[in-house]
Amino acid sequence: MRTARTVAPTPARLGQAALKRVAADLALLLLSAILFALSFPSFLSTWGWFPLAFVALVPVFVVVHRAGWGASCLYGAFFGFASYALYNYWLGTFHPLTLFIVPPIYSVYLLAVFPLLKAADTFYPRHAALLQTLIWVGYEFVKVQGFLGYAYGIVGFSQYLFLPLIRIASLTGVWGVSALVVFPSALLGNALKNGWRGLGEALRSRRWLALGYAGLFAGAVIFGLATRTDLEEARRWRVALVQQNVDPWRGGFRAYEKSLEILTRLSRQALQQEPEIVIWSETSFVPAIDWHTRYRTDRQMYSLVRSLRDFLDSQEVPYVVGNDDGQLVRDESGREYRVDYNAAILFENGEIVDTYRKLHLVPFTEHFPYRRLLPGVYEWLRNADTHFWEKGDEHTVFEAAGVRFSTPICFEDTFAYLCREFVRAGAQVLVNMTNDSWSNSVACEMQHMSIALFRTVESKRSLVRSTNGGITCVIDPNGRISAMLEPFTEGYLIADVPVFDEGETLYIRWGDWFAILVLILAGAGLAWGLARTVGRRARGGGPGAAGPPAEDGAERQD
């Protein structure tokens, strides 16, 4: 009778096994990055496949469990780069180097987030999904703050077509939606810790978590259906949104002249349908109207400004025009110099009534406050023909044709805090003015619009979007897209916008209370788990006391 011999693994075999394990982990993370990108409007579907978002992060949570602490950092960096390179692929159209700015930023963010997810998995083996969901939503909230604030990629935004679900944003902001979308991935990822064979038992051991989630999800949908706003009696504001489909920043004077010709021609056509107001897009007219009217430093530019003002003088309805608003200012030493603002200007009877100057500027491309700290980066941006603006300082509310409205410019409509302040200042309608035509991507424009849509359900206000090349549309207070112009086409959209301003939602009243609560709970959960683990180690003394016991009899491989 032969005796079986145990063959000790050689270093070469161990190395091969480790490489296979790393390759498998990277493949899982790449799969997760692809599912993440496809959940939103993407290169495969301009509307996106929003159900994918509920499982997109499953591979992430599986890998987080399998990886060691050091590997989790590297895997976070990989996932951050891969997911945003796939999701924001259109940034390469603006400038190829932008793909080496935005994805690396998220590599750094997620390099820090993955070890936190790992800590939750270590501290709470059976109930990690709860804490991991809080950590992920907390990360999403943190990433929209400050100079680098960027709302693209928040998982809740993928659900913009699932109107009954996203209406809970009137209570929690998008953060409540994100929590409901991320949790299934966290739950399934934790249930798959020990592979497919253990999935059934793992889910049974977490049945109360699953049932609790099902109840919350059903409650959110019922809330969304029950709180749908009746707009039958709402006043209708007839607007004309002009989409000239010419990027005015390309080509100098001739491009400005061509753009003005298209804008005035389309506006005259739109006026035949008797709108109450005509709205042009962001920087639809580039030469600074107020500056060239006052100073006339450039004869060609002044001639264009004069043509525009002659046209506006002849109009009987108000116009909102996106413009480079140049102003002469004086510093403390008495030196005078020009500053420029990305602005929206309200004209009536050819005269400037009021001006809104953009408050939240795009980092790197419109604003870089670290000139002294990083002079090399600043000079590189200047040499790349970056047009820096000054920040405005007022949440302007216009009034025209009996309607109070504010005009978040460009990606300002992706920031809930900013639109909340406009509503609190008295805006009945939000009017976004955008130029996304530089992207040459419908997916880019749809991603922008899908984020902006959340401003309607958060505030119960209509959103009007007047864009250069898309997405020009009207979204009612229920989040329904009621009218849309084909992107990258020359035309205009006439729409009757419901003006609804009854009451104040919890989100408008309390702001990001839910996200702040999530951050507090996530921090408390991690602190408690760490204290409990350290206490066990102190009491037990041996290596077996380093953390909670592995569940389901499985050997933990951390």
Protein backbone atom coordinates (compact mmCIF):
# COMPACT_ATOMS: atom_id res chain seq x y z
CA MET A 1 0.00 0.00 0.00
CA ARG A 2 1.50 3.32 -1.12
CA THR A 3 1.75 6.26 1.21
CA ALA A 4 0.84 9.68 -0.25
CA ARG A 5 3.68 12.13 -0.13
CA THR A 6 3.18 15.82 0.58
CA VAL A 7 5.12 17.99 -1.83
CA ALA A 8 6.20 21.29 -0.32
CA PRO A 9 5.44 24.26 -2.55
CA THR A 10 8.50 25.77 -4.14
CA PRO A 11 9.15 29.54 -4.21
CA ALA A 12 8.48 29.49 -7.95
CA ARG A 13 5.06 27.90 -7.46
CA LEU A 14 4.23 30.33 -4.68
CA GLY A 15 5.20 33.22 -6.94
CA GLN A 16 3.05 31.91 -9.77
CA ALA A 17 0.07 31.49 -7.43
CA ALA A 18 0.52 35.04 -6.14
CA LEU A 19 0.67 36.43 -9.67
CA LYS A 20 -2.49 34.54 -10.62
CA ARG A 21 -4.22 35.89 -7.53
CA VAL A 22 -3.21 39.47 -8.37
CA ALA A 23 -4.29 39.03 -12.00
CA ALA A 24 -7.66 37.67 -10.86
CA ASP A 25 -8.13 40.58 -8.46
CA LEU A 26 -7.27 43.14 -11.14
CA ALA A 27 -9.65 41.44 -13.56
CA LEU A 28 -12.45 41.67 -10.99
CA LEU A 29 -11.72 45.35 -10.39
CA LEU A 30 -11.68 46.02 -14.13
CA LEU A 31 -15.05 44.27 -14.42
CA SER A 32 -16.37 46.48 -11.63
CA ALA A 33 -15.01 49.60 -13.38
CA ILE A 34 -16.76 48.60 -16.61
CA LEU A 35 -20.08 47.95 -14.85
CA PHE A 36 -19.70 51.26 -12.99
CA ALA A 37 -19.16 53.17 -16.25
CA LEU A 38 -22.02 51.43 -18.07
CA SER A 39 -24.44 52.23 -15.25
CA PHE A 40 -24.31 55.86 -16.42
CA PRO A 41 -24.67 57.30 -19.93
CA SER A 42 -21.66 55.84 -21.67
CA PHE A 43 -19.88 54.93 -24.89
CA LEU A 44 -22.31 51.99 -25.30
CA SER A 45 -25.59 53.62 -24.27
CA THR A 46 -26.20 57.36 -24.18
CA TRP A 47 -29.02 56.81 -21.64
CA GLY A 48 -27.07 54.32 -19.52
CA TRP A 49 -28.09 50.99 -18.02
CA PHE A 50 -29.02 52.07 -14.52
CA PRO A 51 -29.90 48.59 -13.07
CA LEU A 52 -26.21 47.65 -13.38
CA ALA A 53 -25.38 50.13 -10.63
CA PHE A 54 -26.95 47.85 -7.99
CA VAL A 55 -24.30 45.17 -8.64
CA ALA A 56 -21.47 47.20 -10.18
CA LEU A 57 -19.40 47.27 -6.98
CA VAL A 58 -19.79 43.59 -6.04
CA PRO A 59 -16.30 42.71 -7.38
CA VAL A 60 -14.85 45.64 -5.40
CA PHE A 61 -16.12 44.27 -2.09
CA VAL A 62 -14.97 40.74 -2.96
CA VAL A 63 -11.45 41.99 -3.72
CA VAL A 64 -11.37 44.16 -0.60
CA HIS A 65 -11.97 41.03 1.49
CA ARG A 66 -9.38 38.93 -0.35
CA ALA A 67 -6.61 41.52 -0.39
CA GLY A 68 -4.11 42.32 2.30
CA TRP A 69 -3.83 45.83 3.71
CA GLY A 70 -1.05 46.98 1.40
CA ALA A 71 -2.66 45.45 -1.66
CA SER A 72 -5.98 47.15 -0.85
CA CYS A 73 -4.30 50.55 -1.25
CA LEU A 74 -2.87 49.62 -4.65
CA TYR A 75 -6.16 48.07 -5.75
CA GLY A 76 -8.02 51.23 -4.74
CA ALA A 77 -5.68 53.32 -6.87
CA PHE A 78 -6.17 50.94 -9.82
CA PHE A 79 -9.96 50.98 -9.52
CA GLY A 80 -10.05 54.77 -9.16
CA PHE A 81 -8.10 55.28 -12.36
CA ALA A 82 -9.86 52.56 -14.37
CA SER A 83 -13.40 53.53 -13.38
CA TYR A 84 -13.01 57.23 -14.12
CA ALA A 85 -10.98 56.71 -17.30
CA LEU A 86 -13.86 54.58 -18.63
CA TYR A 87 -16.64 56.77 -17.23
CA ASN A 88 -15.13 60.14 -18.18
CA TYR A 89 -13.45 58.93 -21.37
CA TRP A 90 -14.68 62.06 -23.17
CA LEU A 91 -12.24 64.22 -21.17
CA GLY A 92 -9.63 63.21 -23.71
CA THR A 93 -11.51 65.27 -26.29
CA PHE A 94 -10.96 68.44 -24.28
CA HIS A 95 -7.25 67.68 -23.91
CA PRO A 96 -5.55 64.25 -23.74
CA LEU A 97 -3.72 65.34 -20.58
CA THR A 98 -7.01 65.71 -18.69
CA LEU A 99 -7.14 61.91 -18.55
CA PHE A 100 -3.97 62.23 -16.49
CA ILE A 101 -5.60 64.70 -14.10
CA VAL A 102 -9.10 63.45 -13.20
CA PRO A 103 -8.55 59.64 -13.05
CA PRO A 104 -5.34 60.04 -10.99
CA ILE A 105 -7.23 62.24 -8.51
CA TYR A 106 -9.68 59.38 -7.99
CA SER A 107 -6.79 56.95 -7.74
CA VAL A 108 -5.64 58.92 -4.69
CA TYR A 109 -9.15 59.13 -3.22
CA LEU A 110 -9.82 55.43 -3.56
CA LEU A 111 -6.33 54.49 -2.44
CA ALA A 112 -7.50 55.91 0.89
CA VAL A 113 -11.05 54.53 0.72
CA PHE A 114 -10.20 50.86 0.05
CA PRO A 115 -8.32 50.37 3.35
CA LEU A 116 -11.34 51.82 5.16
CA LEU A 117 -13.55 49.28 3.40
CA LYS A 118 -11.01 46.64 4.41
CA ALA A 119 -11.18 47.81 8.01
CA ALA A 120 -14.98 47.50 7.99
CA ASP A 121 -14.64 43.97 6.60
CA THR A 122 -12.14 43.10 9.32
CA PHE A 123 -13.97 44.65 12.25
CA TYR A 124 -17.48 43.44 11.36
CA PRO A 125 -17.25 40.18 9.37
CA ARG A 126 -20.99 39.51 9.35
CA HIS A 127 -22.35 43.05 9.08
CA ALA A 128 -19.60 44.80 7.11
CA ALA A 129 -22.05 45.72 4.33
CA LEU A 130 -23.70 48.36 6.51
CA LEU A 131 -20.48 50.14 7.40
CA GLN A 132 -19.02 49.77 3.92
CA THR A 133 -22.11 51.44 2.45
CA LEU A 134 -21.70 54.33 4.88
CA ILE A 135 -18.02 54.65 3.99
CA TRP A 136 -18.75 54.72 0.26
CA VAL A 137 -21.50 57.35 0.55
CA GLY A 138 -19.28 59.38 2.88
CA TYR A 139 -16.51 59.28 0.25
CA GLU A 140 -18.94 60.50 -2.40
CA PHE A 141 -19.89 63.45 -0.20
CA VAL A 142 -16.27 64.35 0.55
CA LYS A 143 -15.31 64.29 -3.12
CA VAL A 144 -17.69 67.12 -4.05
CA GLN A 145 -16.13 69.49 -1.52
CA GLY A 146 -13.56 72.22 -2.12
CA PHE A 147 -11.44 73.16 -5.11
CA LEU A 148 -11.44 69.63 -6.56
CA GLY A 149 -15.18 69.15 -5.99
CA TYR A 150 -16.58 66.97 -8.78
CA ALA A 151 -20.07 65.48 -8.71
CA TYR A 152 -19.66 63.14 -11.68
CA GLY A 153 -19.58 59.46 -10.68
CA ILE A 154 -21.82 59.61 -7.61
CA VAL A 155 -23.57 56.24 -7.85
CA GLY A 156 -27.03 57.62 -7.02
CA PHE A 157 -26.99 59.76 -10.16
CA SER A 158 -27.13 56.60 -12.29
CA GLN A 159 -30.79 56.24 -11.25
CA TYR A 160 -32.00 59.46 -12.92
CA LEU A 161 -34.56 57.50 -14.99
CA PHE A 162 -35.95 55.66 -11.93
CA LEU A 163 -38.15 58.56 -10.83
CA PRO A 164 -40.07 56.93 -7.94
CA LEU A 165 -36.76 55.99 -6.30
CA ILE A 166 -34.87 59.24 -6.75
CA ARG A 167 -37.63 61.41 -5.27
CA ILE A 168 -36.31 60.56 -1.81
CA ALA A 169 -33.64 63.11 -2.72
CA SER A 170 -36.17 65.71 -1.56
CA LEU A 171 -35.39 64.37 1.94
CA THR A 172 -31.81 63.11 1.81
CA GLY A 173 -30.29 64.59 -1.32
CA VAL A 174 -28.67 62.16 -3.74
CA TRP A 175 -26.89 60.56 -0.78
CA GLY A 176 -29.93 58.54 0.25
CA VAL A 177 -30.25 57.23 -3.30
CA SER A 178 -26.57 56.28 -3.35
CA ALA A 179 -26.97 54.35 -0.10
CA LEU A 180 -29.84 52.32 -1.55
CA VAL A 181 -27.85 51.59 -4.71
CA VAL A 182 -24.53 50.71 -3.06
CA PHE A 183 -25.87 48.42 -0.31
CA PRO A 184 -26.81 45.45 -2.58
CA SER A 185 -23.25 45.40 -3.93
CA ALA A 186 -21.83 45.47 -0.42
CA LEU A 187 -24.21 42.74 0.77
CA LEU A 188 -23.53 40.43 -2.19
CA GLY A 189 -19.80 41.14 -2.07
CA ASN A 190 -19.68 40.13 1.58
CA ALA A 191 -21.83 37.05 0.95
CA LEU A 192 -19.36 35.96 -1.74
CA LYS A 193 -16.37 36.12 0.59
CA ASN A 194 -16.09 32.37 0.59
CA GLY A 195 -17.04 31.80 -3.04
CA TRP A 196 -20.21 30.76 -4.81
CA ARG A 197 -20.61 27.55 -2.81
CA GLY A 198 -21.07 29.48 0.40
CA LEU A 199 -23.37 32.09 -1.08
CA GLY A 200 -26.66 30.52 0.01
CA GLU A 201 -25.62 30.06 3.63
CA ALA A 202 -24.03 33.52 3.75
CA LEU A 203 -27.22 35.16 2.49
CA ARG A 204 -29.32 33.22 4.99
CA SER A 205 -27.09 34.46 7.80
CA ARG A 206 -27.70 38.01 6.57
CA ARG A 207 -31.40 37.65 5.88
CA TRP A 208 -32.39 40.36 8.35
CA LEU A 209 -30.10 42.82 6.62
CA ALA A 210 -31.61 41.87 3.27
CA LEU A 211 -35.18 42.13 4.59
CA GLY A 212 -34.45 45.49 6.20
CA TYR A 213 -33.03 46.77 2.92
CA ALA A 214 -36.04 45.49 0.98
CA GLY A 215 -38.32 47.37 3.35
CA LEU A 216 -36.35 50.61 2.98
CA PHE A 217 -36.22 50.26 -0.81
CA ALA A 218 -39.97 49.63 -1.03
CA GLY A 219 -40.60 52.55 1.32
CA ALA A 220 -38.50 54.87 -0.85
CA VAL A 221 -40.39 53.86 -4.00
CA ILE A 222 -43.76 54.25 -2.28
CA PHE A 223 -42.67 57.68 -1.01
CA GLY A 224 -41.68 58.67 -4.54
CA LEU A 225 -45.01 57.60 -5.97
CA ALA A 226 -47.01 59.25 -3.18
CA THR A 227 -45.18 62.60 -3.33
CA ARG A 228 -45.44 63.14 -7.06
CA THR A 229 -46.36 66.81 -7.48
CA ASP A 230 -49.59 67.69 -9.24
CA LEU A 231 -48.69 70.33 -11.83
CA GLU A 232 -52.06 70.70 -13.52
CA GLU A 233 -52.79 74.06 -11.88
CA ALA A 234 -49.22 75.39 -12.03
CA ARG A 235 -48.55 78.52 -14.00
CA ARG A 236 -46.78 77.93 -17.33
CA TRP A 237 -43.77 80.03 -18.32
CA ARG A 238 -43.27 79.95 -22.09
CA VAL A 239 -39.56 79.93 -22.87
CA ALA A 240 -37.47 79.78 -26.04
CA LEU A 241 -34.16 77.95 -25.65
CA VAL A 242 -31.72 78.61 -28.49
CA GLN A 243 -29.09 76.00 -29.40
CA GLN A 244 -26.72 77.41 -32.02
CA ASN A 245 -24.42 74.32 -32.15
CA VAL A 246 -21.30 76.40 -32.76
CA ASP A 247 -18.51 76.38 -30.22
CA PRO A 248 -17.82 80.13 -29.98
CA TRP A 249 -14.40 79.62 -28.38
CA ARG A 250 -13.01 78.19 -31.62
CA GLY A 251 -11.98 80.52 -34.44
CA GLY A 252 -11.90 83.99 -32.92
CA PHE A 253 -13.79 86.90 -34.47
CA ARG A 254 -15.28 84.92 -37.37
CA ALA A 255 -16.58 82.25 -35.00
CA TYR A 256 -18.16 84.94 -32.80
CA GLU A 257 -19.73 86.55 -35.83
CA LYS A 258 -21.10 83.26 -37.12
CA SER A 259 -22.48 82.38 -33.71
CA LEU A 260 -24.25 85.73 -33.42
CA GLU A 261 -25.83 85.32 -36.85
CA ILE A 262 -27.19 81.89 -35.92
CA LEU A 263 -28.41 83.07 -32.52
CA THR A 264 -30.32 86.04 -33.91
CA ARG A 265 -31.77 84.04 -36.80
CA LEU A 266 -33.01 81.24 -34.55
CA SER A 267 -34.35 83.74 -32.02
CA ARG A 268 -36.43 85.50 -34.69
CA GLN A 269 -37.87 82.16 -35.74
CA ALA A 270 -38.64 81.23 -32.13
CA LEU A 271 -40.40 84.56 -31.53
CA GLN A 272 -43.12 83.54 -33.98
CA GLN A 273 -44.36 81.16 -31.25
CA GLU A 274 -44.64 84.03 -28.75
CA PRO A 275 -42.32 83.01 -25.91
CA GLU A 276 -42.18 85.15 -22.78
CA ILE A 277 -38.38 85.01 -22.67
CA VAL A 278 -35.48 83.90 -24.90
CA ILE A 279 -32.50 82.16 -23.30
CA TRP A 280 -29.12 81.63 -24.94
CA SER A 281 -26.36 79.31 -23.71
CA GLU A 282 -23.18 79.78 -21.70
CA THR A 283 -20.82 82.28 -23.39
CA SER A 284 -23.08 82.12 -26.42
CA PHE A 285 -21.72 85.60 -27.16
CA VAL A 286 -18.04 85.87 -26.16
CA PRO A 287 -16.95 89.53 -26.60
CA ALA A 288 -17.55 91.26 -23.25
CA ILE A 289 -20.71 93.30 -23.85
CA ASP A 290 -20.40 95.71 -20.95
CA TRP A 291 -16.64 96.15 -21.38
CA HIS A 292 -16.71 96.95 -25.11
CA THR A 293 -19.73 99.21 -24.66
CA ARG A 294 -17.83 101.23 -22.03
CA TYR A 295 -14.25 101.22 -23.34
CA ARG A 296 -14.27 100.22 -27.03
CA THR A 297 -10.68 98.99 -26.89
CA ASP A 298 -11.12 96.73 -29.93
CA ARG A 299 -12.92 98.04 -33.01
CA GLN A 300 -13.89 94.61 -34.36
CA MET A 301 -15.26 93.41 -31.05
CA TYR A 302 -17.14 96.64 -30.48
CA SER A 303 -18.79 96.28 -33.90
CA LEU A 304 -20.07 92.83 -32.87
CA VAL A 305 -21.30 94.16 -29.53
CA ARG A 306 -23.05 97.01 -31.31
CA SER A 307 -24.77 94.54 -33.66
CA LEU A 308 -25.95 92.47 -30.70
CA ARG A 309 -27.24 95.50 -28.80
CA ASP A 310 -29.05 96.83 -31.89
CA PHE A 311 -30.78 93.45 -32.15
CA LEU A 312 -31.70 93.42 -28.46
CA ASP A 313 -32.99 97.01 -28.69
CA SER A 314 -35.57 95.80 -31.19
CA GLN A 315 -36.84 92.93 -29.02
CA GLU A 316 -40.07 93.07 -27.02
CA VAL A 317 -39.26 90.12 -24.76
CA PRO A 318 -36.39 89.76 -22.27
CA TYR A 319 -33.24 87.86 -23.22
CA VAL A 320 -30.74 85.99 -21.06
CA VAL A 321 -27.30 85.94 -22.68
CA GLY A 322 -24.21 84.00 -21.61
CA ASN A 323 -21.20 86.30 -21.83
CA ASP A 324 -17.62 87.02 -20.79
CA ASP A 325 -18.30 89.89 -18.42
CA GLY A 326 -15.17 92.06 -18.34
CA GLN A 327 -14.94 94.71 -15.60
CA LEU A 328 -12.35 97.33 -14.69
CA VAL A 329 -11.28 97.10 -11.04
CA ARG A 330 -8.77 98.94 -8.91
CA ASP A 331 -6.44 97.35 -6.36
CA GLU A 332 -5.34 98.84 -3.03
CA SER A 333 -2.44 100.68 -4.65
CA GLY A 334 -4.76 102.35 -7.15
CA ARG A 335 -3.66 100.25 -10.14
CA GLU A 336 -6.50 99.54 -12.56
CA TYR A 337 -6.81 96.25 -14.39
CA ARG A 338 -9.44 94.12 -16.12
CA VAL A 339 -11.03 91.02 -14.61
CA ASP A 340 -13.35 88.63 -16.40
CA TYR A 341 -16.35 86.66 -15.14
CA ASN A 342 -18.27 83.83 -16.73
CA ALA A 343 -21.66 85.50 -16.59
CA ALA A 344 -25.35 85.42 -17.45
CA ILE A 345 -26.86 88.81 -18.32
CA LEU A 346 -30.56 89.69 -18.35
CA PHE A 347 -31.56 92.22 -21.01
CA GLU A 348 -34.88 94.00 -21.31
CA ASN A 349 -35.53 96.59 -24.03
CA GLY A 350 -31.87 96.30 -24.96
CA GLU A 351 -30.61 97.34 -21.52
CA ILE A 352 -28.75 95.28 -18.92
CA VAL A 353 -31.12 94.66 -16.01
CA ASP A 354 -28.93 92.39 -13.88
CA THR A 355 -25.88 90.11 -14.10
CA TYR A 356 -25.04 86.80 -12.45
CA ARG A 357 -21.35 85.93 -12.19
CA LYS A 358 -20.42 82.28 -11.84
CA LEU A 359 -19.67 81.22 -8.25
CA HIS A 360 -18.23 77.71 -8.60
CA LEU A 361 -15.49 77.64 -11.24
CA VAL A 362 -14.16 74.52 -12.96
CA PRO A 363 -10.84 73.53 -11.37
CA PHE A 364 -7.75 73.83 -13.59
CA THR A 365 -9.66 75.01 -16.68
CA GLU A 366 -11.36 78.08 -15.18
CA HIS A 367 -9.69 78.54 -11.83
CA PHE A 368 -6.38 77.66 -10.16
CA PRO A 369 -5.85 79.29 -6.75
CA TYR A 370 -2.41 77.77 -6.12
CA ARG A 371 -0.28 79.99 -8.35
CA ARG A 372 2.30 80.69 -5.63
CA LEU A 373 2.38 77.15 -4.24
CA LEU A 374 2.56 75.42 -7.66
CA PRO A 375 3.92 77.99 -10.14
CA GLY A 376 4.95 75.30 -12.64
CA VAL A 377 1.42 73.90 -12.87
CA TYR A 378 0.03 77.43 -13.18
CA GLU A 379 2.36 78.29 -16.07
CA TRP A 380 1.60 74.99 -17.80
CA LEU A 381 -2.11 75.78 -17.61
CA ARG A 382 -1.57 79.32 -18.90
CA ASN A 383 0.52 78.05 -21.81
CA ALA A 384 -2.27 75.58 -22.64
CA ASP A 385 -4.48 78.64 -23.35
CA THR A 386 -6.51 78.21 -20.18
CA HIS A 387 -9.00 81.03 -19.65
CA PHE A 388 -9.11 81.83 -15.95
CA TRP A 389 -12.14 83.64 -14.53
CA GLU A 390 -12.80 85.55 -11.35
CA LYS A 391 -15.42 84.20 -8.94
CA GLY A 392 -18.72 85.96 -8.46
CA ASP A 393 -20.00 86.69 -4.97
CA GLU A 394 -23.81 86.73 -5.15
CA HIS A 395 -26.58 84.15 -5.58
CA THR A 396 -28.42 86.32 -8.10
CA VAL A 397 -32.15 85.86 -8.62
CA PHE A 398 -33.47 87.43 -11.82
CA GLU A 399 -37.08 88.41 -12.41
CA ALA A 400 -38.62 88.59 -15.87
CA ALA A 401 -42.08 87.98 -17.27
CA GLY A 402 -43.34 87.59 -13.71
CA VAL A 403 -41.02 84.67 -12.86
CA ARG A 404 -38.06 84.62 -10.46
CA PHE A 405 -35.20 82.46 -11.71
CA SER A 406 -31.49 81.83 -11.18
CA THR A 407 -28.90 80.77 -13.74
CA PRO A 408 -26.30 78.23 -12.56
CA ILE A 409 -23.68 78.22 -15.31
CA CYS A 410 -22.00 75.16 -16.83
CA PHE A 411 -21.37 72.43 -14.23
CA GLU A 412 -22.83 74.55 -11.40
CA ASP A 413 -26.08 72.62 -11.85
CA THR A 414 -24.22 69.47 -10.74
CA PHE A 415 -23.77 70.95 -7.24
CA ALA A 416 -26.83 70.60 -5.03
CA TYR A 417 -25.56 73.02 -2.38
CA LEU A 418 -25.35 75.85 -4.92
CA CYS A 419 -28.79 75.32 -6.45
CA ARG A 420 -30.20 74.99 -2.93
CA GLU A 421 -28.95 78.51 -2.16
CA PHE A 422 -30.59 79.87 -5.32
CA VAL A 423 -33.92 78.36 -4.25
CA ARG A 424 -33.51 79.68 -0.71
CA ALA A 425 -32.86 83.12 -2.22
CA GLY A 426 -36.25 82.96 -3.97
CA ALA A 427 -35.75 81.27 -7.35
CA GLN A 428 -38.94 79.65 -8.68
CA VAL A 429 -37.16 78.09 -11.67
CA LEU A 430 -33.53 77.07 -12.22
CA VAL A 431 -32.10 77.98 -15.64
CA ASN A 432 -28.83 76.26 -16.50
CA MET A 433 -26.69 77.71 -19.29
CA THR A 434 -24.05 75.30 -20.58
CA ASN A 435 -21.50 74.83 -23.33
CA ASP A 436 -20.58 71.12 -23.48
CA SER A 437 -20.05 71.16 -27.24
CA TRP A 438 -16.26 70.87 -26.79
CA SER A 439 -16.74 67.22 -25.70
CA ASN A 440 -18.06 66.00 -29.07
CA SER A 441 -19.82 63.38 -26.95
CA VAL A 442 -23.54 62.86 -26.38
CA ALA A 443 -22.65 60.62 -23.42
CA CYS A 444 -20.83 63.54 -21.78
CA GLU A 445 -23.83 65.79 -22.26
CA MET A 446 -26.22 63.13 -21.00
CA GLN A 447 -24.10 62.55 -17.89
CA HIS A 448 -24.27 66.28 -17.18
CA MET A 449 -28.03 66.41 -17.71
CA SER A 450 -28.66 63.30 -15.58
CA ILE A 451 -26.89 64.93 -12.62
CA ALA A 452 -28.72 68.23 -13.14
CA LEU A 453 -32.05 66.38 -13.11
CA PHE A 454 -31.60 65.73 -9.39
CA ARG A 455 -31.86 69.45 -8.69
CA THR A 456 -35.56 69.25 -9.58
CA VAL A 457 -36.48 66.44 -7.19
CA GLU A 458 -34.36 67.92 -4.40
CA SER A 459 -36.05 71.31 -4.61
CA LYS A 460 -39.43 70.64 -6.27
CA ARG A 461 -38.54 73.30 -8.87
CA SER A 462 -38.42 73.10 -12.64
CA LEU A 463 -35.05 73.11 -14.39
CA VAL A 464 -34.53 74.66 -17.82
CA ARG A 465 -31.28 73.89 -19.64
CA SER A 466 -30.21 76.10 -22.56
CA THR A 467 -27.04 74.71 -24.10
CA ASN A 468 -24.75 75.27 -27.05
CA GLY A 469 -24.98 71.72 -28.38
CA GLY A 470 -26.90 69.68 -25.77
CA ILE A 471 -28.66 68.69 -23.70
CA THR A 472 -31.18 71.51 -24.16
CA CYS A 473 -34.28 70.43 -22.25
CA VAL A 474 -36.95 71.12 -19.64
CA ILE A 475 -37.28 68.97 -16.51
CA ASP A 476 -40.33 69.39 -14.30
CA PRO A 477 -40.37 69.32 -10.45
CA ASN A 478 -41.07 65.56 -10.52
CA GLY A 479 -37.82 64.86 -12.40
CA ARG A 480 -39.62 64.16 -15.69
CA ILE A 481 -37.92 65.32 -18.89
CA SER A 482 -40.85 67.05 -20.58
CA ALA A 483 -39.06 68.45 -23.63
CA MET A 484 -35.66 67.91 -25.24
CA LEU A 485 -33.82 69.16 -28.30
CA GLU A 486 -31.68 66.76 -30.31
CA PRO A 487 -28.02 67.21 -29.28
CA PHE A 488 -25.46 68.61 -31.70
CA THR A 489 -28.11 70.15 -33.92
CA GLU A 490 -28.89 73.77 -34.70
CA GLY A 491 -32.36 74.74 -33.50
CA TYR A 492 -34.55 76.08 -30.75
CA LEU A 493 -36.94 74.61 -28.22
CA ILE A 494 -40.23 76.23 -27.24
CA ALA A 495 -41.55 74.86 -23.97
CA ASP A 496 -44.16 75.69 -21.36
CA VAL A 497 -42.33 75.37 -18.06
CA PRO A 498 -44.38 74.68 -14.91
CA VAL A 499 -43.66 77.31 -12.26
CA PHE A 500 -44.10 75.54 -8.93
CA ASP A 501 -42.80 76.97 -5.67
CA GLU A 502 -45.20 75.71 -3.02
CA GLY A 503 -43.46 74.72 0.17
CA GLU A 504 -39.87 73.84 0.95
CA THR A 505 -38.46 70.32 0.82
CA LEU A 506 -36.50 68.89 3.71
CA TYR A 507 -33.37 68.98 1.57
CA ILE A 508 -33.79 72.68 0.84
CA ARG A 509 -34.41 73.33 4.55
CA TRP A 510 -31.64 71.15 6.04
CA GLY A 511 -29.21 70.63 3.16
CA ASP A 512 -26.76 67.72 3.31
CA TRP A 513 -27.79 66.55 6.78
CA PHE A 514 -28.00 62.92 5.63
CA ALA A 515 -24.47 62.90 4.21
CA ILE A 516 -23.09 64.50 7.37
CA LEU A 517 -24.90 61.89 9.48
CA VAL A 518 -23.42 59.16 7.27
CA LEU A 519 -19.90 60.54 7.83
CA ILE A 520 -20.45 60.61 11.59
CA LEU A 521 -21.80 57.04 11.65
CA ALA A 522 -19.00 55.77 9.41
CA GLY A 523 -16.37 57.38 11.61
CA ALA A 524 -18.02 56.05 14.78
CA GLY A 525 -18.31 52.54 13.32
CA LEU A 526 -14.64 52.46 12.35
CA ALA A 527 -13.55 53.89 15.71
CA TRP A 528 -15.65 51.38 17.66
CA GLY A 529 -14.41 48.48 15.55
CA LEU A 530 -10.81 49.54 16.04
CA ALA A 531 -11.25 49.95 19.81
CA ARG A 532 -12.92 46.56 20.08
CA THR A 533 -10.18 44.87 18.08
CA VAL A 534 -7.40 46.51 20.09
CA GLY A 535 -9.20 45.48 23.29
CA ARG A 536 -9.40 41.85 22.15
CA ARG A 537 -5.73 41.87 21.28
CA ALA A 538 -4.82 43.34 24.66
CA ARG A 539 -6.86 40.70 26.48
CA GLY A 540 -5.79 37.74 24.35
CA GLY A 541 -2.21 38.68 23.73
CA GLY A 542 -1.63 36.23 20.88
CA PRO A 543 -1.90 36.56 17.14
CA GLY A 544 -5.31 34.89 17.23
CA ALA A 545 -6.68 37.94 19.00
CA ALA A 546 -5.83 40.31 16.17
CA GLY A 547 -9.44 40.54 15.05
CA PRO A 548 -12.88 38.96 15.17
CA PRO A 549 -13.12 35.28 14.24
CA ALA A 550 -13.81 34.44 10.61
CA GLU A 551 -17.44 33.54 9.97
CA ASP A 552 -18.89 30.33 8.59
CA GLY A 553 -15.79 28.41 9.68
CA ALA A 554 -13.78 29.88 6.81
CA GLU A 555 -10.14 30.72 7.24
CA ARG A 556 -9.52 34.46 6.95
CA GLN A 557 -6.78 35.38 4.48
CA ASP A 558 -5.80 38.91 5.35
